[in-house]
Amino acid sequence: MWISDKWKDYELIDCSNGQRLERWGSQILVRPDPQAIWETPQTNPAWMRPSAKYSRSSEGGGHWEKSNLPESWNVRYSDLTFNIKPMNFKHTGIFPEQATNWDFAMNTIKKTERPISVLNLFAYTGAATLACAKAGASVCHVDAAKGMVSWAKENAVTSGLAGTPIRWIVDDCAKFVEREIRRGKRYDAIIMDPPSYGRGPSGEIWKLEENLWDFVCLCAGALSDEPLFVIINSYTTGLSPSVLTYISESIFTKKFGGHSESRELGLPVSETGLVLPCGASCRWLAK
């Protein structure tokens, strides 16, 4: 398991009975988590007085019950600063378990003595984009949601990266990659964080189990002749890390050599010493 254990502004205090107790900077949040099916005594007093708690509705969706929670605030990770904004579907704007991948990308780019271009697909609010830019890469940030791209630009400003070479693209990721290939544009690294389920701008249905193979095959055509790395993330419980490895080995290693490694991502739990599993990730590295 790759564990994101270098946070100072984020802490998973406890998780129990389908919920997380988290500290985001100075704010305490309680949010649902389907992986935390065990029970703990929940003796930490923060369980009883969070800044906000997300409650699901029996009709679908849910809402935040807030107590003195600001509309937004900042948290830092290393040299990066992110704007946190609790959203309607329990999210906050970043996935803290991805910090281990940000470190991997930054360290890999920094060790490479040549200019590196990165394509970040389903790029959300831009944490991986900013990590790569901070390491010195040029980045193309692509997400179909205009609001998420705007949020990513805000994060670039708060991280002091507004002047770095980042292309901000609002588009369907597959269609954008197809056009980049036709234009002859290639990238040295690709990061992808596709959703488990979604709909395209024209109503196309995306199901990760059915569409991931074809999408990764497509993305291989956007890699340069000297690719550096690829990261594939999955929050679909039915796809094990081994499945991601098989996909990566069959596509990237077969074409470029190198090797693939996949593991669960995890967050350490302060109260119990356990590690909460938070999806899976695959890293293909050229050397």
C-alpha atoms as a PDB file:
ATOM      1  CA  MET A   1       0.000   0.000   0.000  1.00  0.00           C
ATOM      2  CA  TRP A   2       1.169   3.533  -0.804  1.00  0.00           C
ATOM      3  CA  ILE A   3       0.380   5.609   2.287  1.00  0.00           C
ATOM      4  CA  SER A   4       0.067   9.397   2.275  1.00  0.00           C
ATOM      5  CA  ASP A   5       1.592  10.039   5.683  1.00  0.00           C
ATOM      6  CA  LYS A   6       3.422  13.351   5.196  1.00  0.00           C
ATOM      7  CA  TRP A   7       0.431  15.646   5.734  1.00  0.00           C
ATOM      8  CA  LYS A   8       0.495  18.391   8.367  1.00  0.00           C
ATOM      9  CA  ASP A   9      -2.696  20.265   7.428  1.00  0.00           C
ATOM     10  CA  TYR A  10      -4.801  17.127   6.988  1.00  0.00           C
ATOM     11  CA  GLU A  11      -5.418  14.330   9.485  1.00  0.00           C
ATOM     12  CA  LEU A  12      -7.698  11.312   9.409  1.00  0.00           C
ATOM     13  CA  ILE A  13      -8.430  11.272  13.128  1.00  0.00           C
ATOM     14  CA  ASP A  14     -10.739   8.263  13.214  1.00  0.00           C
ATOM     15  CA  CYS A  15     -13.072   6.267  10.970  1.00  0.00           C
ATOM     16  CA  SER A  16     -15.919   4.086  12.142  1.00  0.00           C
ATOM     17  CA  ASN A  17     -19.354   2.809  11.164  1.00  0.00           C
ATOM     18  CA  GLY A  18     -19.163   4.213   7.631  1.00  0.00           C
ATOM     19  CA  GLN A  19     -17.831   7.636   8.567  1.00  0.00           C
ATOM     20  CA  ARG A  20     -14.561   9.566   8.645  1.00  0.00           C
ATOM     21  CA  LEU A  21     -13.546  12.079  11.304  1.00  0.00           C
ATOM     22  CA  GLU A  22     -11.068  14.436   9.623  1.00  0.00           C
ATOM     23  CA  ARG A  23      -9.104  17.591  10.328  1.00  0.00           C
ATOM     24  CA  TRP A  24      -8.665  19.932   7.374  1.00  0.00           C
ATOM     25  CA  GLY A  25      -6.450  22.691   8.679  1.00  0.00           C
ATOM     26  CA  SER A  26      -8.371  23.957  11.716  1.00  0.00           C
ATOM     27  CA  GLN A  27     -11.734  22.584  10.516  1.00  0.00           C
ATOM     28  CA  ILE A  28     -13.150  19.237  11.689  1.00  0.00           C
ATOM     29  CA  LEU A  29     -15.362  17.371   9.215  1.00  0.00           C
ATOM     30  CA  VAL A  30     -17.386  14.175   9.463  1.00  0.00           C
ATOM     31  CA  ARG A  31     -18.029  12.543   6.083  1.00  0.00           C
ATOM     32  CA  PRO A  32     -19.357   9.174   4.874  1.00  0.00           C
ATOM     33  CA  ASP A  33     -16.881   6.514   3.771  1.00  0.00           C
ATOM     34  CA  PRO A  34     -18.196   3.136   2.565  1.00  0.00           C
ATOM     35  CA  GLN A  35     -14.864   1.396   3.293  1.00  0.00           C
ATOM     36  CA  ALA A  36     -14.986   2.089   7.041  1.00  0.00           C
ATOM     37  CA  ILE A  37     -17.413  -0.706   7.877  1.00  0.00           C
ATOM     38  CA  TRP A  38     -15.778  -1.501  11.256  1.00  0.00           C
ATOM     39  CA  GLU A  39     -16.697   0.185  14.536  1.00  0.00           C
ATOM     40  CA  THR A  40     -14.507   2.010  17.027  1.00  0.00           C
ATOM     41  CA  PRO A  41     -15.488   3.460  20.436  1.00  0.00           C
ATOM     42  CA  GLN A  42     -15.582   6.974  18.896  1.00  0.00           C
ATOM     43  CA  THR A  43     -14.320   8.448  22.154  1.00  0.00           C
ATOM     44  CA  ASN A  44     -12.616  11.428  20.524  1.00  0.00           C
ATOM     45  CA  PRO A  45     -14.726  14.489  21.482  1.00  0.00           C
ATOM     46  CA  ALA A  46     -14.397  15.865  17.945  1.00  0.00           C
ATOM     47  CA  TRP A  47     -17.022  13.321  16.862  1.00  0.00           C
ATOM     48  CA  MET A  48     -19.571  15.289  18.927  1.00  0.00           C
ATOM     49  CA  ARG A  49     -18.616  18.819  17.822  1.00  0.00           C
ATOM     50  CA  PRO A  50     -17.378  18.875  14.229  1.00  0.00           C
ATOM     51  CA  SER A  51     -17.253  22.054  12.183  1.00  0.00           C
ATOM     52  CA  ALA A  52     -19.545  20.287   9.715  1.00  0.00           C
ATOM     53  CA  LYS A  53     -21.094  16.870   9.131  1.00  0.00           C
ATOM     54  CA  TYR A  54     -22.294  15.489   5.828  1.00  0.00           C
ATOM     55  CA  SER A  55     -25.544  13.533   6.113  1.00  0.00           C
ATOM     56  CA  ARG A  56     -26.910  11.392   3.330  1.00  0.00           C
ATOM     57  CA  SER A  57     -30.541  11.602   2.280  1.00  0.00           C
ATOM     58  CA  SER A  58     -32.747   8.544   1.891  1.00  0.00           C
ATOM     59  CA  GLU A  59     -33.793  10.024  -1.461  1.00  0.00           C
ATOM     60  CA  GLY A  60     -30.207  10.250  -2.708  1.00  0.00           C
ATOM     61  CA  GLY A  61     -27.533  12.867  -2.297  1.00  0.00           C
ATOM     62  CA  GLY A  62     -27.185  14.643   1.012  1.00  0.00           C
ATOM     63  CA  HIS A  63     -26.303  17.894   2.712  1.00  0.00           C
ATOM     64  CA  TRP A  64     -23.816  19.523   5.090  1.00  0.00           C
ATOM     65  CA  GLU A  65     -24.861  20.384   8.635  1.00  0.00           C
ATOM     66  CA  LYS A  66     -22.492  23.269   9.376  1.00  0.00           C
ATOM     67  CA  SER A  67     -21.361  24.899  12.584  1.00  0.00           C
ATOM     68  CA  ASN A  68     -19.132  27.944  12.061  1.00  0.00           C
ATOM     69  CA  LEU A  69     -17.671  26.466   8.874  1.00  0.00           C
ATOM     70  CA  PRO A  70     -16.284  29.010   6.384  1.00  0.00           C
ATOM     71  CA  GLU A  71     -17.271  28.789   2.739  1.00  0.00           C
ATOM     72  CA  SER A  72     -13.640  28.047   1.873  1.00  0.00           C
ATOM     73  CA  TRP A  73     -10.230  27.912   3.510  1.00  0.00           C
ATOM     74  CA  ASN A  74      -6.682  26.850   2.624  1.00  0.00           C
ATOM     75  CA  VAL A  75      -4.625  23.787   3.462  1.00  0.00           C
ATOM     76  CA  ARG A  76      -1.001  23.223   2.526  1.00  0.00           C
ATOM     77  CA  TYR A  77       0.896  20.165   1.400  1.00  0.00           C
ATOM     78  CA  SER A  78       4.621  20.690   1.003  1.00  0.00           C
ATOM     79  CA  ASP A  79       4.934  23.823  -1.170  1.00  0.00           C
ATOM     80  CA  LEU A  80       1.375  23.589  -2.518  1.00  0.00           C
ATOM     81  CA  THR A  81      -1.706  25.400  -1.204  1.00  0.00           C
ATOM     82  CA  PHE A  82      -5.252  24.254  -1.946  1.00  0.00           C
ATOM     83  CA  ASN A  83      -8.619  25.965  -1.538  1.00  0.00           C
ATOM     84  CA  ILE A  84     -11.002  23.686   0.362  1.00  0.00           C
ATOM     85  CA  LYS A  85     -14.722  24.068  -0.365  1.00  0.00           C
ATOM     86  CA  PRO A  86     -17.210  21.467   0.937  1.00  0.00           C
ATOM     87  CA  MET A  87     -19.428  20.484  -1.983  1.00  0.00           C
ATOM     88  CA  ASN A  88     -22.903  18.993  -2.257  1.00  0.00           C
ATOM     89  CA  PHE A  89     -21.610  15.468  -2.852  1.00  0.00           C
ATOM     90  CA  LYS A  90     -19.459  15.273   0.326  1.00  0.00           C
ATOM     91  CA  HIS A  91     -16.227  16.206  -1.510  1.00  0.00           C
ATOM     92  CA  THR A  92     -13.886  18.981  -0.406  1.00  0.00           C
ATOM     93  CA  GLY A  93     -11.825  19.635  -3.538  1.00  0.00           C
ATOM     94  CA  ILE A  94      -8.853  17.337  -3.019  1.00  0.00           C
ATOM     95  CA  PHE A  95      -8.290  13.666  -2.289  1.00  0.00           C
ATOM     96  CA  PRO A  96      -5.585  13.602   0.431  1.00  0.00           C
ATOM     97  CA  GLU A  97      -4.621   9.987  -0.280  1.00  0.00           C
ATOM     98  CA  GLN A  98      -3.278  11.147  -3.659  1.00  0.00           C
ATOM     99  CA  ALA A  99      -0.405  12.994  -1.960  1.00  0.00           C
ATOM    100  CA  THR A 100       1.826   9.954  -2.381  1.00  0.00           C
ATOM    101  CA  ASN A 101       1.291  10.186  -6.154  1.00  0.00           C
ATOM    102  CA  TRP A 102       2.045  13.914  -6.118  1.00  0.00           C
ATOM    103  CA  ASP A 103       5.350  13.096  -4.413  1.00  0.00           C
ATOM    104  CA  PHE A 104       6.102  10.380  -6.955  1.00  0.00           C
ATOM    105  CA  ALA A 105       5.411  12.679  -9.893  1.00  0.00           C
ATOM    106  CA  MET A 106       7.433  15.555  -8.448  1.00  0.00           C
ATOM    107  CA  ASN A 107      10.425  13.400  -7.574  1.00  0.00           C
ATOM    108  CA  THR A 108      10.420  11.644 -10.961  1.00  0.00           C
ATOM    109  CA  ILE A 109      10.263  14.938 -12.864  1.00  0.00           C
ATOM    110  CA  LYS A 110      12.969  16.561 -10.749  1.00  0.00           C
ATOM    111  CA  LYS A 111      15.368  13.675 -11.383  1.00  0.00           C
ATOM    112  CA  THR A 112      14.941  13.957 -15.153  1.00  0.00           C
ATOM    113  CA  GLU A 113      17.467  16.297 -16.765  1.00  0.00           C
ATOM    114  CA  ARG A 114      15.274  17.424 -19.663  1.00  0.00           C
ATOM    115  CA  PRO A 115      12.055  19.375 -20.174  1.00  0.00           C
ATOM    116  CA  ILE A 116       9.006  17.281 -19.329  1.00  0.00           C
ATOM    117  CA  SER A 117       5.439  17.780 -20.576  1.00  0.00           C
ATOM    118  CA  VAL A 118       2.573  16.258 -18.600  1.00  0.00           C
ATOM    119  CA  LEU A 119      -1.028  15.566 -19.652  1.00  0.00           C
ATOM    120  CA  ASN A 120      -3.377  15.459 -16.647  1.00  0.00           C
ATOM    121  CA  LEU A 121      -6.767  13.972 -17.570  1.00  0.00           C
ATOM    122  CA  PHE A 122      -9.918  14.164 -15.440  1.00  0.00           C
ATOM    123  CA  ALA A 123      -7.731  16.671 -13.626  1.00  0.00           C
ATOM    124  CA  TYR A 124     -10.362  17.938 -11.159  1.00  0.00           C
ATOM    125  CA  THR A 125      -9.092  20.848  -9.036  1.00  0.00           C
ATOM    126  CA  GLY A 126      -5.509  20.453 -10.157  1.00  0.00           C
ATOM    127  CA  ALA A 127      -3.493  19.024  -7.266  1.00  0.00           C
ATOM    128  CA  ALA A 128      -1.451  16.748  -9.550  1.00  0.00           C
ATOM    129  CA  THR A 129      -1.197  19.537 -12.129  1.00  0.00           C
ATOM    130  CA  LEU A 130       0.340  21.873  -9.565  1.00  0.00           C
ATOM    131  CA  ALA A 131       2.675  19.207  -8.206  1.00  0.00           C
ATOM    132  CA  CYS A 132       4.083  18.601 -11.700  1.00  0.00           C
ATOM    133  CA  ALA A 133       4.313  22.336 -12.445  1.00  0.00           C
ATOM    134  CA  LYS A 134       6.114  22.917  -9.144  1.00  0.00           C
ATOM    135  CA  ALA A 135       8.643  20.270 -10.160  1.00  0.00           C
ATOM    136  CA  GLY A 136       9.350  22.179 -13.376  1.00  0.00           C
ATOM    137  CA  ALA A 137       7.135  20.432 -15.942  1.00  0.00           C
ATOM    138  CA  SER A 138       4.792  22.039 -18.432  1.00  0.00           C
ATOM    139  CA  VAL A 139       1.274  20.694 -17.898  1.00  0.00           C
ATOM    140  CA  CYS A 140      -1.911  20.359 -19.917  1.00  0.00           C
ATOM    141  CA  HIS A 141      -4.820  20.208 -17.461  1.00  0.00           C
ATOM    142  CA  VAL A 142      -8.055  18.730 -18.882  1.00  0.00           C
ATOM    143  CA  ASP A 143     -11.444  18.354 -17.225  1.00  0.00           C
ATOM    144  CA  ALA A 144     -14.962  18.439 -18.642  1.00  0.00           C
ATOM    145  CA  ALA A 145     -16.302  20.559 -15.760  1.00  0.00           C
ATOM    146  CA  LYS A 146     -15.703  24.272 -16.220  1.00  0.00           C
ATOM    147  CA  GLY A 147     -16.150  24.911 -12.506  1.00  0.00           C
ATOM    148  CA  MET A 148     -13.429  22.431 -11.600  1.00  0.00           C
ATOM    149  CA  VAL A 149     -10.974  24.009 -14.034  1.00  0.00           C
ATOM    150  CA  SER A 150     -11.733  27.431 -12.543  1.00  0.00           C
ATOM    151  CA  TRP A 151     -11.108  26.020  -9.079  1.00  0.00           C
ATOM    152  CA  ALA A 152      -7.800  24.541 -10.284  1.00  0.00           C
ATOM    153  CA  LYS A 153      -6.765  27.984 -11.534  1.00  0.00           C
ATOM    154  CA  GLU A 154      -7.525  29.374  -8.062  1.00  0.00           C
ATOM    155  CA  ASN A 155      -5.290  26.712  -6.545  1.00  0.00           C
ATOM    156  CA  ALA A 156      -2.515  27.688  -8.965  1.00  0.00           C
ATOM    157  CA  VAL A 157      -2.744  31.274  -7.736  1.00  0.00           C
ATOM    158  CA  THR A 158      -2.693  30.353  -4.040  1.00  0.00           C
ATOM    159  CA  SER A 159       0.258  28.007  -4.696  1.00  0.00           C
ATOM    160  CA  GLY A 160       2.215  30.783  -6.411  1.00  0.00           C
ATOM    161  CA  LEU A 161       2.114  28.946  -9.752  1.00  0.00           C
ATOM    162  CA  ALA A 162      -0.086  31.289 -11.786  1.00  0.00           C
ATOM    163  CA  GLY A 163       2.772  32.123 -14.156  1.00  0.00           C
ATOM    164  CA  THR A 164       3.897  28.561 -14.830  1.00  0.00           C
ATOM    165  CA  PRO A 165       3.308  26.844 -18.215  1.00  0.00           C
ATOM    166  CA  ILE A 166      -0.106  25.254 -17.632  1.00  0.00           C
ATOM    167  CA  ARG A 167      -2.760  24.903 -20.362  1.00  0.00           C
ATOM    168  CA  TRP A 168      -6.253  24.930 -18.877  1.00  0.00           C
ATOM    169  CA  ILE A 169      -8.654  22.915 -21.042  1.00  0.00           C
ATOM    170  CA  VAL A 170     -12.401  22.371 -20.539  1.00  0.00           C
ATOM    171  CA  ASP A 171     -13.229  19.373 -22.719  1.00  0.00           C
ATOM    172  CA  ASP A 172     -14.182  15.728 -22.855  1.00  0.00           C
ATOM    173  CA  CYS A 173     -10.934  13.905 -22.102  1.00  0.00           C
ATOM    174  CA  ALA A 174     -11.190  11.197 -24.763  1.00  0.00           C
ATOM    175  CA  LYS A 175     -12.116  13.665 -27.508  1.00  0.00           C
ATOM    176  CA  PHE A 176      -9.294  15.968 -26.472  1.00  0.00           C
ATOM    177  CA  VAL A 177      -6.736  13.133 -26.578  1.00  0.00           C
ATOM    178  CA  GLU A 178      -7.986  12.106 -30.024  1.00  0.00           C
ATOM    179  CA  ARG A 179      -7.472  15.653 -31.308  1.00  0.00           C
ATOM    180  CA  GLU A 180      -4.022  15.936 -29.742  1.00  0.00           C
ATOM    181  CA  ILE A 181      -2.963  12.727 -31.482  1.00  0.00           C
ATOM    182  CA  ARG A 182      -4.250  14.023 -34.833  1.00  0.00           C
ATOM    183  CA  ARG A 183      -2.371  17.287 -34.246  1.00  0.00           C
ATOM    184  CA  GLY A 184       0.836  15.374 -33.525  1.00  0.00           C
ATOM    185  CA  LYS A 185       1.044  16.649 -29.939  1.00  0.00           C
ATOM    186  CA  ARG A 186       2.809  14.253 -27.580  1.00  0.00           C
ATOM    187  CA  TYR A 187       3.473  14.190 -23.831  1.00  0.00           C
ATOM    188  CA  ASP A 188       6.226  12.688 -21.699  1.00  0.00           C
ATOM    189  CA  ALA A 189       3.900  11.743 -18.844  1.00  0.00           C
ATOM    190  CA  ILE A 190       0.174  11.146 -18.428  1.00  0.00           C
ATOM    191  CA  ILE A 191      -1.888  11.186 -15.243  1.00  0.00           C
ATOM    192  CA  MET A 192      -5.480   9.995 -15.387  1.00  0.00           C
ATOM    193  CA  ASP A 193      -8.121   9.890 -12.652  1.00  0.00           C
ATOM    194  CA  PRO A 194     -11.220   8.660 -14.502  1.00  0.00           C
ATOM    195  CA  PRO A 195     -14.566   8.423 -12.678  1.00  0.00           C
ATOM    196  CA  SER A 196     -16.235   5.109 -11.965  1.00  0.00           C
ATOM    197  CA  TYR A 197     -19.351   6.328 -13.749  1.00  0.00           C
ATOM    198  CA  GLY A 198     -20.226   9.449 -15.675  1.00  0.00           C
ATOM    199  CA  ARG A 199     -21.945  11.020 -18.656  1.00  0.00           C
ATOM    200  CA  GLY A 200     -20.286  12.908 -21.468  1.00  0.00           C
ATOM    201  CA  PRO A 201     -21.446  16.286 -22.800  1.00  0.00           C
ATOM    202  CA  SER A 202     -23.641  14.562 -25.392  1.00  0.00           C
ATOM    203  CA  GLY A 203     -25.078  12.033 -22.948  1.00  0.00           C
ATOM    204  CA  GLU A 204     -22.443   9.340 -23.530  1.00  0.00           C
ATOM    205  CA  ILE A 205     -22.266   6.886 -20.639  1.00  0.00           C
ATOM    206  CA  TRP A 206     -18.857   6.171 -19.116  1.00  0.00           C
ATOM    207  CA  LYS A 207     -18.383   2.997 -17.053  1.00  0.00           C
ATOM    208  CA  LEU A 208     -14.821   2.460 -15.907  1.00  0.00           C
ATOM    209  CA  GLU A 209     -14.888  -1.341 -16.172  1.00  0.00           C
ATOM    210  CA  GLU A 210     -16.154  -1.132 -19.768  1.00  0.00           C
ATOM    211  CA  ASN A 211     -14.251   1.900 -21.055  1.00  0.00           C
ATOM    212  CA  LEU A 212     -10.885   1.982 -19.263  1.00  0.00           C
ATOM    213  CA  TRP A 213      -9.032  -0.394 -21.594  1.00  0.00           C
ATOM    214  CA  ASP A 214      -9.938   1.513 -24.756  1.00  0.00           C
ATOM    215  CA  PHE A 215      -9.208   4.841 -23.072  1.00  0.00           C
ATOM    216  CA  VAL A 216      -5.752   3.771 -21.872  1.00  0.00           C
ATOM    217  CA  CYS A 217      -4.983   2.380 -25.337  1.00  0.00           C
ATOM    218  CA  LEU A 218      -5.930   5.754 -26.785  1.00  0.00           C
ATOM    219  CA  CYS A 219      -3.725   7.610 -24.302  1.00  0.00           C
ATOM    220  CA  ALA A 220      -0.714   5.485 -25.230  1.00  0.00           C
ATOM    221  CA  GLY A 221      -0.844   7.178 -28.616  1.00  0.00           C
ATOM    222  CA  ALA A 222      -0.334  10.557 -26.947  1.00  0.00           C
ATOM    223  CA  LEU A 223       2.962   9.582 -25.314  1.00  0.00           C
ATOM    224  CA  SER A 224       6.253  10.856 -26.688  1.00  0.00           C
ATOM    225  CA  ASP A 225       9.032   8.642 -28.018  1.00  0.00           C
ATOM    226  CA  GLU A 226      10.785   8.998 -24.649  1.00  0.00           C
ATOM    227  CA  PRO A 227       7.960   8.762 -22.114  1.00  0.00           C
ATOM    228  CA  LEU A 228       8.688   9.131 -18.426  1.00  0.00           C
ATOM    229  CA  PHE A 229       5.704   7.818 -16.452  1.00  0.00           C
ATOM    230  CA  VAL A 230       1.970   7.148 -16.419  1.00  0.00           C
ATOM    231  CA  ILE A 231      -0.316   7.171 -13.383  1.00  0.00           C
ATOM    232  CA  ILE A 232      -3.763   5.517 -13.508  1.00  0.00           C
ATOM    233  CA  ASN A 233      -6.093   5.978 -10.539  1.00  0.00           C
ATOM    234  CA  SER A 234      -9.214   3.973  -9.794  1.00  0.00           C
ATOM    235  CA  TYR A 235     -11.860   4.355  -7.102  1.00  0.00           C
ATOM    236  CA  THR A 236     -13.926   1.499  -8.499  1.00  0.00           C
ATOM    237  CA  THR A 237     -13.954  -1.253  -5.877  1.00  0.00           C
ATOM    238  CA  GLY A 238     -14.315  -3.987  -8.505  1.00  0.00           C
ATOM    239  CA  LEU A 239     -10.952  -3.137 -10.089  1.00  0.00           C
ATOM    240  CA  SER A 240      -8.075  -4.489  -8.020  1.00  0.00           C
ATOM    241  CA  PRO A 241      -4.530  -3.114  -8.249  1.00  0.00           C
ATOM    242  CA  SER A 242      -3.580  -6.234 -10.194  1.00  0.00           C
ATOM    243  CA  VAL A 243      -6.071  -5.365 -12.926  1.00  0.00           C
ATOM    244  CA  LEU A 244      -4.466  -1.947 -13.325  1.00  0.00           C
ATOM    245  CA  THR A 245      -1.042  -3.592 -13.557  1.00  0.00           C
ATOM    246  CA  TYR A 246      -2.225  -5.983 -16.268  1.00  0.00           C
ATOM    247  CA  ILE A 247      -3.647  -3.074 -18.277  1.00  0.00           C
ATOM    248  CA  SER A 248      -0.481  -1.019 -17.909  1.00  0.00           C
ATOM    249  CA  GLU A 249       1.860  -3.902 -18.697  1.00  0.00           C
ATOM    250  CA  SER A 250      -0.191  -4.929 -21.730  1.00  0.00           C
ATOM    251  CA  ILE A 251      -0.175  -1.396 -23.156  1.00  0.00           C
ATOM    252  CA  PHE A 252       2.753   0.702 -21.921  1.00  0.00           C
ATOM    253  CA  THR A 253       5.383  -1.912 -21.071  1.00  0.00           C
ATOM    254  CA  LYS A 254       4.673  -3.815 -24.279  1.00  0.00           C
ATOM    255  CA  LYS A 255       5.180  -0.652 -26.337  1.00  0.00           C
ATOM    256  CA  PHE A 256       7.897   1.193 -24.414  1.00  0.00           C
ATOM    257  CA  GLY A 257       9.483  -1.256 -21.988  1.00  0.00           C
ATOM    258  CA  GLY A 258       9.833  -0.183 -18.383  1.00  0.00           C
ATOM    259  CA  HIS A 259       7.700  -1.650 -15.620  1.00  0.00           C
ATOM    260  CA  SER A 260       4.396  -1.197 -13.794  1.00  0.00           C
ATOM    261  CA  GLU A 261       3.486  -1.324 -10.123  1.00  0.00           C
ATOM    262  CA  SER A 262       0.031  -1.037  -8.591  1.00  0.00           C
ATOM    263  CA  ARG A 263      -1.044  -0.762  -4.987  1.00  0.00           C
ATOM    264  CA  GLU A 264      -3.896   0.425  -2.832  1.00  0.00           C
ATOM    265  CA  LEU A 265      -3.710   4.021  -1.636  1.00  0.00           C
ATOM    266  CA  GLY A 266      -4.133   4.595   2.076  1.00  0.00           C
ATOM    267  CA  LEU A 267      -4.472   7.202   4.806  1.00  0.00           C
ATOM    268  CA  PRO A 268      -3.148   6.564   8.330  1.00  0.00           C
ATOM    269  CA  VAL A 269      -5.749   6.761  11.120  1.00  0.00           C
ATOM    270  CA  SER A 270      -4.464   8.611  14.171  1.00  0.00           C
ATOM    271  CA  GLU A 271      -6.761   7.083  16.794  1.00  0.00           C
ATOM    272  CA  THR A 272      -6.306   3.423  15.892  1.00  0.00           C
ATOM    273  CA  GLY A 273      -3.049   3.119  13.949  1.00  0.00           C
ATOM    274  CA  LEU A 274      -4.978   1.504  11.102  1.00  0.00           C
ATOM    275  CA  VAL A 275      -4.713   2.580   7.473  1.00  0.00           C
ATOM    276  CA  LEU A 276      -7.911   3.375   5.586  1.00  0.00           C
ATOM    277  CA  PRO A 277      -7.857   2.004   2.001  1.00  0.00           C
ATOM    278  CA  CYS A 278      -8.799   4.708  -0.515  1.00  0.00           C
ATOM    279  CA  GLY A 279      -8.816   3.179  -3.975  1.00  0.00           C
ATOM    280  CA  ALA A 280      -6.003   1.884  -6.143  1.00  0.00           C
ATOM    281  CA  SER A 281      -3.295   3.385  -8.290  1.00  0.00           C
ATOM    282  CA  CYS A 282      -0.912   2.132 -10.964  1.00  0.00           C
ATOM    283  CA  ARG A 283       2.440   3.710 -11.819  1.00  0.00           C
ATOM    284  CA  TRP A 284       4.215   2.865 -15.040  1.00  0.00           C
ATOM    285  CA  LEU A 285       7.805   4.020 -15.139  1.00  0.00           C
ATOM    286  CA  ALA A 286       9.992   3.928 -18.223  1.00  0.00           C
ATOM    287  CA  LYS A 287      13.143   2.989 -16.269  1.00  0.00           C
END
